[in-house]
Amino acid sequence: MYISKKFLIINFVFIFICAFIITYYSFIDSYNVSFQISSIGGLLTGYSILMPIKLYALFLKDKDEIE
């Protein structure tokens, strides 16, 4: 399975921007559920960092098996 660095960067940026938008709107709104929405934004931020690392580790594992 070949995963390019461009794919990893696009994956990170897309999820990070989605998380940033969700977190931003949860901070400016005064709803009762703004804390829950902010938590979802925080989880997405962590996921945006974790997922490219996992994909890159999978890429390195597959690369080592081929060689």
Protein backbone atom coordinates (compact mmCIF):
# COMPACT_ATOMS: atom_id res chain seq x y z
CA MET A 1 0.00 0.00 0.00
CA TYR A 2 1.63 3.22 -1.14
CA ILE A 3 0.78 6.34 0.82
CA SER A 4 2.29 9.57 -0.42
CA LYS A 5 3.36 12.41 1.82
CA LYS A 6 0.97 14.65 -0.09
CA PHE A 7 -1.94 12.41 0.96
CA LEU A 8 -0.83 12.53 4.59
CA ILE A 9 -0.55 16.32 4.55
CA ILE A 10 -3.96 16.74 2.90
CA ASN A 11 -5.49 14.34 5.43
CA PHE A 12 -4.00 16.29 8.34
CA VAL A 13 -4.95 19.72 7.00
CA PHE A 14 -8.53 18.76 6.10
CA ILE A 15 -9.35 17.19 9.46
CA PHE A 16 -7.50 19.93 11.37
CA ILE A 17 -9.45 22.68 9.59
CA CYS A 18 -12.75 20.90 10.30
CA ALA A 19 -11.78 20.59 13.96
CA PHE A 20 -10.73 24.25 14.11
CA ILE A 21 -14.05 25.42 12.64
CA ILE A 22 -16.08 23.26 15.04
CA THR A 23 -14.07 24.45 18.04
CA TYR A 24 -14.29 28.10 16.97
CA TYR A 25 -18.06 28.06 16.58
CA SER A 26 -18.49 26.29 19.89
CA PHE A 27 -16.54 29.05 21.64
CA ILE A 28 -18.44 31.95 20.07
CA ASP A 29 -21.91 30.43 20.56
CA SER A 30 -23.64 30.61 23.91
CA TYR A 31 -25.63 27.39 23.64
CA ASN A 32 -25.88 24.94 26.50
CA VAL A 33 -24.14 22.29 24.42
CA SER A 34 -21.13 24.41 23.47
CA PHE A 35 -18.90 22.38 25.81
CA GLN A 36 -19.85 19.14 24.07
CA ILE A 37 -19.26 20.69 20.65
CA SER A 38 -15.88 21.98 21.84
CA SER A 39 -15.01 18.47 23.04
CA ILE A 40 -15.80 17.07 19.60
CA GLY A 41 -13.54 19.72 18.06
CA GLY A 42 -10.76 18.75 20.45
CA LEU A 43 -11.16 15.07 19.63
CA LEU A 44 -10.97 15.84 15.92
CA THR A 45 -7.81 17.87 16.51
CA GLY A 46 -6.19 14.90 18.22
CA TYR A 47 -7.43 12.57 15.49
CA SER A 48 -5.98 14.84 12.81
CA ILE A 49 -2.57 14.44 14.42
CA LEU A 50 -2.85 10.72 15.21
CA MET A 51 -4.21 9.47 11.88
CA PRO A 52 -1.34 10.63 9.62
CA ILE A 53 1.14 9.15 12.10
CA LYS A 54 -0.66 5.79 11.97
CA LEU A 55 -0.84 5.88 8.17
CA TYR A 56 2.85 6.75 7.90
CA ALA A 57 3.74 3.90 10.28
CA LEU A 58 1.70 1.52 8.11
CA PHE A 59 3.51 2.82 5.04
CA LEU A 60 6.91 2.22 6.65
CA LYS A 61 5.88 -1.28 7.73
CA ASP A 62 4.78 -2.18 4.20
CA LYS A 63 7.93 -0.65 2.76
CA ASP A 64 10.13 -2.79 5.05
CA GLU A 65 8.26 -5.96 4.06
CA ILE A 66 8.80 -5.27 0.36
CA GLU A 67 12.55 -4.78 0.77
